[in-house]
Amino acid sequence: MVTLSTTGNRSQQSIDIKAARNLAITTNTVPQTTGITPRWLLHFLPWVQVQSGTYRVNRTKIVLKQTPKVYVSNDNGRSTIAPEDLKALPILASLDLSYVAALSSRLQQETFGLGETVVTEGQQGDKFYIVAQGKVEVLVAGEQGEELRVAVLGAGDYFGEVDLYKEAPSQATVRTLTPVRFLTLSKSSFDEVLTQEELKAGFALAVEDRLRLKASLNRYGEEPISLIADYEGETEVPHSYVDYESEPQEYELSVVQSILRVHTRVSDIYNEPINQLREQLRLTVEGIKEQQEWEIVNAASTPQPPPAGAGLFHSPG
């Protein structure tokens, strides 16, 4: 005989759902964390196996480094260059800082509108130009008289240094792509500072050596490989070799690490249906990968290697 229990005015005719649920087998998911992201960067980067935790980038030797840009301070429509920043230019590196400071104080500000010609190819110039703001294009005449763009210069770039010590026609046309502000140094101002002939000769030698070296190298400042292409007779084959950097850049890998503690009581008794040790390891590795990607994305301006992870390293290019 079955007796129905009553609760107040309501009769309960079957087992309570909450009570029955305690006897049911639940379907569990593995532990999850909201801190896990897709980590697209780690998936897309090409990874290289690195031995001994050091990645060395061997490159061909750079004979002539790229011309550094000049740091120009722009404040309330006025542009200035500190003597220390101006001396960073290879053509002024040999001069004493006092002379460079005198040159810096004689820089004049000039502005040009969009599409204006600053220098015309074939015409003689007498100024040294430093781009303070804006962009200009450098053009040369082609074989059919067409204009060929060979460079685009922006803030911190410069041109016209040859005009400071000798009279020669310009080898290119310079035209503005945007409104541009220049800091210029005239030949007369240059002569006022460098009154000694040996200083002028040293400056001229530095410029000529750089121009001559630049003309003999490729666009990246490397020695070109001497080659010849011919199909007639016996031609003299040029000799050549490729030189390498003597002190290549090396990257020491950093490490993301942690100590994972799991009590044996947990792994022995509470290990079904989910393997507790496996999930603890999985979530810890996920956290390491998250930190790895964060270190890559938020690296300092100085090139730094990403965390070592499993001994892998992404080449910086």
Protein backbone atom coordinates (compact mmCIF):
# COMPACT_ATOMS: atom_id res chain seq x y z
CA MET A 1 0.00 0.00 0.00
CA VAL A 2 1.40 3.40 -1.02
CA THR A 3 0.75 6.37 1.12
CA LEU A 4 0.94 9.86 -0.38
CA SER A 5 2.51 12.53 1.72
CA THR A 6 1.02 15.96 1.82
CA THR A 7 2.63 19.36 2.13
CA GLY A 8 0.13 21.92 3.20
CA ASN A 9 -2.85 21.70 0.86
CA ARG A 10 -0.75 20.12 -1.97
CA SER A 11 -0.22 16.37 -2.41
CA GLN A 12 3.24 15.10 -3.62
CA GLN A 13 2.66 12.20 -6.00
CA SER A 14 6.30 11.34 -7.02
CA ILE A 15 9.91 11.69 -5.91
CA ASP A 16 11.23 15.25 -5.77
CA ILE A 17 13.38 16.31 -8.76
CA LYS A 18 16.21 17.65 -6.57
CA ALA A 19 16.39 14.38 -4.68
CA ALA A 20 16.43 12.33 -7.85
CA ARG A 21 19.15 14.51 -9.38
CA ASN A 22 21.51 13.53 -6.58
CA LEU A 23 21.38 9.94 -7.86
CA ALA A 24 21.78 10.83 -11.53
CA ILE A 25 25.09 10.80 -13.49
CA THR A 26 25.92 14.32 -14.62
CA THR A 27 27.83 15.11 -17.80
CA ASN A 28 30.75 17.34 -16.85
CA THR A 29 32.92 19.59 -18.95
CA VAL A 30 36.64 19.86 -18.39
CA PRO A 31 37.70 22.91 -16.33
CA GLN A 32 37.61 26.10 -18.32
CA THR A 33 39.07 29.56 -17.82
CA THR A 34 37.94 32.86 -19.31
CA GLY A 35 41.57 33.96 -19.59
CA ILE A 36 42.19 31.75 -22.62
CA THR A 37 42.17 33.67 -25.92
CA PRO A 38 42.38 32.37 -29.52
CA ARG A 39 46.12 33.35 -29.57
CA TRP A 40 46.12 33.91 -33.32
CA LEU A 41 49.62 35.38 -33.23
CA LEU A 42 51.19 32.23 -31.84
CA HIS A 43 49.43 30.14 -34.49
CA PHE A 44 50.43 32.34 -37.43
CA LEU A 45 54.11 32.97 -36.61
CA PRO A 46 56.72 30.65 -38.15
CA TRP A 47 58.58 28.93 -35.31
CA VAL A 48 62.16 27.66 -35.35
CA GLN A 49 63.64 24.96 -33.13
CA VAL A 50 66.44 26.57 -31.10
CA GLN A 51 69.26 24.62 -29.48
CA SER A 52 70.87 25.79 -26.22
CA GLY A 53 68.45 28.70 -25.85
CA THR A 54 70.32 31.09 -28.17
CA TYR A 55 69.18 32.37 -31.57
CA ARG A 56 71.92 33.96 -33.68
CA VAL A 57 71.01 36.02 -36.76
CA ASN A 58 73.84 35.73 -39.29
CA ARG A 59 73.67 38.40 -41.97
CA THR A 60 75.79 39.63 -44.81
CA LYS A 61 78.10 42.47 -43.85
CA ILE A 62 76.63 45.97 -44.05
CA VAL A 63 79.38 48.20 -45.39
CA LEU A 64 77.30 51.36 -45.29
CA LYS A 65 74.54 51.67 -42.72
CA GLN A 66 71.30 53.40 -43.56
CA THR A 67 71.37 57.15 -43.07
CA PRO A 68 69.85 57.93 -39.68
CA LYS A 69 66.99 60.37 -39.47
CA VAL A 70 67.49 63.63 -37.62
CA TYR A 71 65.29 64.17 -34.61
CA VAL A 72 63.36 67.40 -35.18
CA SER A 73 61.43 69.06 -32.37
CA ASN A 74 58.20 70.71 -33.55
CA ASP A 75 56.54 73.02 -31.04
CA ASN A 76 53.85 75.61 -31.77
CA GLY A 77 54.69 75.83 -35.46
CA ARG A 78 58.44 76.14 -34.90
CA SER A 79 61.03 73.45 -35.64
CA THR A 80 64.42 73.10 -33.98
CA ILE A 81 67.23 70.53 -33.87
CA ALA A 82 69.51 70.05 -30.87
CA PRO A 83 73.25 70.08 -31.69
CA GLU A 84 73.64 66.52 -30.36
CA ASP A 85 70.95 65.28 -32.74
CA LEU A 86 72.45 67.16 -35.69
CA LYS A 87 75.90 65.69 -35.00
CA ALA A 88 74.40 62.22 -35.36
CA LEU A 89 74.49 62.72 -39.14
CA PRO A 90 77.49 60.87 -40.65
CA ILE A 91 78.54 63.96 -42.64
CA LEU A 92 78.87 66.01 -39.41
CA ALA A 93 80.14 63.29 -37.09
CA SER A 94 83.80 64.35 -37.49
CA LEU A 95 83.14 67.99 -36.52
CA ASP A 96 83.52 69.26 -32.98
CA LEU A 97 80.22 69.78 -31.16
CA SER A 98 80.84 73.54 -30.93
CA TYR A 99 80.87 73.82 -34.73
CA VAL A 100 77.76 71.68 -35.02
CA ALA A 101 76.02 73.89 -32.43
CA ALA A 102 76.90 76.96 -34.49
CA LEU A 103 75.46 75.30 -37.61
CA SER A 104 72.31 74.34 -35.69
CA SER A 105 71.74 77.94 -34.60
CA ARG A 106 71.90 79.11 -38.23
CA LEU A 107 69.17 76.79 -39.51
CA GLN A 108 66.32 78.70 -41.15
CA GLN A 109 62.71 77.60 -41.37
CA GLU A 110 61.06 77.45 -44.82
CA THR A 111 57.61 76.19 -45.83
CA PHE A 112 56.28 74.89 -49.15
CA GLY A 113 52.77 74.02 -50.25
CA LEU A 114 51.49 70.84 -51.85
CA GLY A 115 53.01 70.09 -55.29
CA GLU A 116 55.69 72.79 -55.17
CA THR A 117 59.17 72.19 -56.57
CA VAL A 118 61.93 72.66 -54.02
CA VAL A 119 64.93 71.72 -56.16
CA THR A 120 65.06 71.34 -59.95
CA GLU A 121 67.33 68.80 -61.64
CA GLY A 122 70.19 70.49 -63.52
CA GLN A 123 69.98 73.76 -61.60
CA GLN A 124 72.63 74.79 -59.13
CA GLY A 125 71.70 74.77 -55.47
CA ASP A 126 73.19 76.44 -52.42
CA LYS A 127 71.24 74.98 -49.49
CA PHE A 128 71.15 71.95 -47.25
CA TYR A 129 67.58 70.80 -46.52
CA ILE A 130 66.24 68.85 -43.52
CA VAL A 131 62.59 67.81 -43.65
CA ALA A 132 60.93 68.92 -40.39
CA GLN A 133 57.33 68.03 -41.31
CA GLY A 134 55.64 66.55 -44.37
CA LYS A 135 56.84 64.44 -47.30
CA VAL A 136 58.69 65.10 -50.55
CA GLU A 137 59.46 62.95 -53.58
CA VAL A 138 62.83 62.73 -55.33
CA LEU A 139 62.56 62.52 -59.13
CA VAL A 140 65.07 61.98 -61.92
CA ALA A 141 64.61 62.29 -65.68
CA GLY A 142 64.29 59.01 -67.59
CA GLU A 143 65.67 58.20 -71.02
CA GLN A 144 62.47 59.44 -72.67
CA GLY A 145 62.29 62.57 -70.53
CA GLU A 146 59.75 61.06 -68.14
CA GLU A 147 59.99 61.67 -64.40
CA LEU A 148 61.03 58.64 -62.37
CA ARG A 149 60.52 58.61 -58.62
CA VAL A 150 63.58 57.25 -56.84
CA ALA A 151 62.74 58.08 -53.21
CA VAL A 152 60.19 59.53 -50.83
CA LEU A 153 61.58 61.52 -47.91
CA GLY A 154 59.81 62.30 -44.65
CA ALA A 155 60.48 64.03 -41.36
CA GLY A 156 64.12 63.68 -40.34
CA ASP A 157 65.45 62.99 -43.85
CA TYR A 158 67.77 65.43 -45.58
CA PHE A 159 69.30 66.30 -48.96
CA GLY A 160 71.55 68.90 -50.60
CA GLU A 161 74.66 68.37 -48.47
CA VAL A 162 76.91 68.53 -51.55
CA ASP A 163 75.80 72.13 -52.18
CA LEU A 164 77.45 73.26 -48.94
CA TYR A 165 81.01 72.88 -50.22
CA LYS A 166 80.96 72.94 -54.02
CA GLU A 167 79.00 74.36 -56.92
CA ALA A 168 77.36 71.58 -58.90
CA PRO A 169 74.04 71.12 -60.68
CA SER A 170 71.41 69.14 -58.83
CA GLN A 171 71.12 65.52 -59.92
CA ALA A 172 67.41 65.26 -59.05
CA THR A 173 64.18 67.20 -58.70
CA VAL A 174 62.56 67.42 -55.28
CA ARG A 175 58.81 68.08 -55.13
CA THR A 176 56.46 68.22 -52.17
CA LEU A 177 53.79 65.54 -51.69
CA THR A 178 52.24 67.38 -48.75
CA PRO A 179 52.67 70.82 -47.23
CA VAL A 180 56.25 70.71 -45.97
CA ARG A 181 58.33 72.58 -43.44
CA PHE A 182 62.10 72.55 -43.91
CA LEU A 183 65.06 73.56 -41.80
CA THR A 184 67.69 74.85 -44.24
CA LEU A 185 71.35 75.83 -44.01
CA SER A 186 72.73 78.07 -46.73
CA LYS A 187 76.25 77.80 -48.10
CA SER A 188 77.07 81.30 -46.84
CA SER A 189 76.06 80.33 -43.28
CA PHE A 190 78.08 77.16 -43.59
CA ASP A 191 81.15 79.15 -44.66
CA GLU A 192 80.72 81.50 -41.71
CA VAL A 193 81.10 78.63 -39.27
CA LEU A 194 83.72 76.53 -41.01
CA THR A 195 86.25 79.26 -41.74
CA GLN A 196 89.24 76.93 -41.55
CA GLU A 197 90.07 75.25 -44.83
CA GLU A 198 91.02 71.97 -43.15
CA LEU A 199 87.53 71.75 -41.60
CA LYS A 200 85.90 72.33 -44.97
CA ALA A 201 88.21 69.77 -46.56
CA GLY A 202 87.35 67.21 -43.87
CA PHE A 203 83.63 67.79 -44.38
CA ALA A 204 83.97 67.51 -48.16
CA LEU A 205 85.97 64.29 -47.81
CA ALA A 206 83.34 62.76 -45.53
CA VAL A 207 80.53 63.59 -47.98
CA GLU A 208 82.44 62.41 -51.05
CA ASP A 209 83.49 59.15 -49.40
CA ARG A 210 79.89 58.42 -48.39
CA LEU A 211 78.53 59.23 -51.85
CA ARG A 212 81.20 57.14 -53.56
CA LEU A 213 80.62 54.19 -51.24
CA LYS A 214 76.85 54.49 -51.64
CA ALA A 215 77.17 54.37 -55.42
CA SER A 216 79.14 51.11 -55.29
CA LEU A 217 76.79 49.24 -52.94
CA ASN A 218 73.28 47.87 -53.26
CA ARG A 219 70.24 49.57 -51.78
CA TYR A 220 70.77 47.84 -48.44
CA GLY A 221 74.40 48.92 -48.00
CA GLU A 222 75.86 45.51 -48.90
CA GLU A 223 78.69 44.74 -51.31
CA PRO A 224 77.15 43.61 -54.60
CA ILE A 225 78.10 40.24 -56.06
CA SER A 226 80.07 40.70 -59.27
CA LEU A 227 78.33 38.85 -62.10
CA ILE A 228 78.42 38.84 -65.87
CA ALA A 229 75.88 37.61 -68.41
CA ASP A 230 77.20 36.97 -71.93
CA TYR A 231 77.00 34.41 -74.70
CA GLU A 232 79.80 35.38 -77.13
CA GLY A 233 83.46 34.42 -77.03
CA GLU A 234 85.62 34.03 -73.96
CA THR A 235 84.82 36.74 -71.48
CA GLU A 236 86.68 37.49 -68.29
CA VAL A 237 84.58 36.25 -65.38
CA PRO A 238 84.70 38.65 -62.42
CA HIS A 239 85.80 37.50 -58.99
CA SER A 240 83.58 38.02 -56.00
CA TYR A 241 82.82 36.82 -52.49
CA VAL A 242 80.17 37.46 -49.86
CA ASP A 243 81.33 38.78 -46.50
CA TYR A 244 79.45 38.29 -43.22
CA GLU A 245 79.00 40.26 -40.04
CA SER A 246 81.80 39.50 -37.58
CA GLU A 247 79.55 40.09 -34.55
CA PRO A 248 76.04 38.93 -35.46
CA GLN A 249 73.07 39.73 -33.27
CA GLU A 250 72.17 37.06 -30.74
CA TYR A 251 68.91 36.59 -28.84
CA GLU A 252 68.93 34.82 -25.50
CA LEU A 253 65.57 33.15 -24.94
CA SER A 254 63.61 34.05 -21.83
CA VAL A 255 61.56 31.49 -19.93
CA VAL A 256 58.00 31.40 -18.64
CA GLN A 257 57.81 28.95 -15.76
CA SER A 258 55.71 27.89 -12.80
CA ILE A 259 55.55 25.13 -10.18
CA LEU A 260 52.35 23.07 -10.30
CA ARG A 261 51.30 21.35 -7.09
CA VAL A 262 48.71 18.53 -7.06
CA HIS A 263 48.05 16.50 -3.89
CA THR A 264 48.12 12.76 -4.47
CA ARG A 265 44.81 12.41 -2.62
CA VAL A 266 43.19 14.48 -5.39
CA SER A 267 44.71 12.47 -8.25
CA ASP A 268 44.11 9.12 -6.52
CA ILE A 269 40.55 9.51 -5.28
CA TYR A 270 38.93 12.29 -7.34
CA ASN A 271 40.30 11.35 -10.75
CA GLU A 272 37.08 10.16 -12.42
CA PRO A 273 35.53 11.04 -14.78
CA ILE A 274 38.04 13.85 -15.34
CA ASN A 275 41.78 13.32 -14.96
CA GLN A 276 42.70 15.95 -12.38
CA LEU A 277 46.46 15.94 -13.05
CA ARG A 278 45.95 16.23 -16.81
CA GLU A 279 43.59 19.20 -16.46
CA GLN A 280 45.86 20.95 -13.99
CA LEU A 281 48.73 20.62 -16.48
CA ARG A 282 46.56 21.69 -19.41
CA LEU A 283 45.36 24.88 -17.73
CA THR A 284 48.88 25.73 -16.57
CA VAL A 285 50.23 25.32 -20.12
CA GLU A 286 47.37 27.49 -21.42
CA GLY A 287 48.44 30.19 -18.96
CA ILE A 288 52.05 29.92 -20.14
CA LYS A 289 50.97 30.29 -23.77
CA GLU A 290 48.90 33.35 -22.89
CA GLN A 291 51.91 34.92 -21.19
CA GLN A 292 54.09 33.99 -24.17
CA GLU A 293 51.87 35.85 -26.60
CA TRP A 294 51.58 38.83 -24.25
CA GLU A 295 55.37 39.11 -24.07
CA ILE A 296 55.62 39.09 -27.88
CA VAL A 297 52.89 41.70 -28.39
CA ASN A 298 54.11 44.00 -25.62
CA ALA A 299 57.85 43.66 -26.19
CA ALA A 300 59.98 46.74 -25.63
CA SER A 301 61.30 48.78 -28.58
CA THR A 302 64.66 47.05 -28.21
CA PRO A 303 64.36 43.66 -29.94
CA GLN A 304 63.74 41.00 -27.29
CA PRO A 305 63.15 37.27 -27.83
CA PRO A 306 59.81 35.76 -26.92
CA PRO A 307 59.57 33.27 -24.05
CA ALA A 308 61.17 29.94 -24.78
CA GLY A 309 58.03 27.87 -24.28
CA ALA A 310 59.04 24.44 -25.55
CA GLY A 311 62.39 25.56 -26.93
CA LEU A 312 60.91 27.27 -29.95
CA PHE A 313 61.73 30.75 -31.18
CA HIS A 314 60.13 32.99 -33.78
CA SER A 315 62.57 34.61 -36.17
CA PRO A 316 62.37 38.45 -35.94
CA GLY A 317 62.51 38.75 -39.70
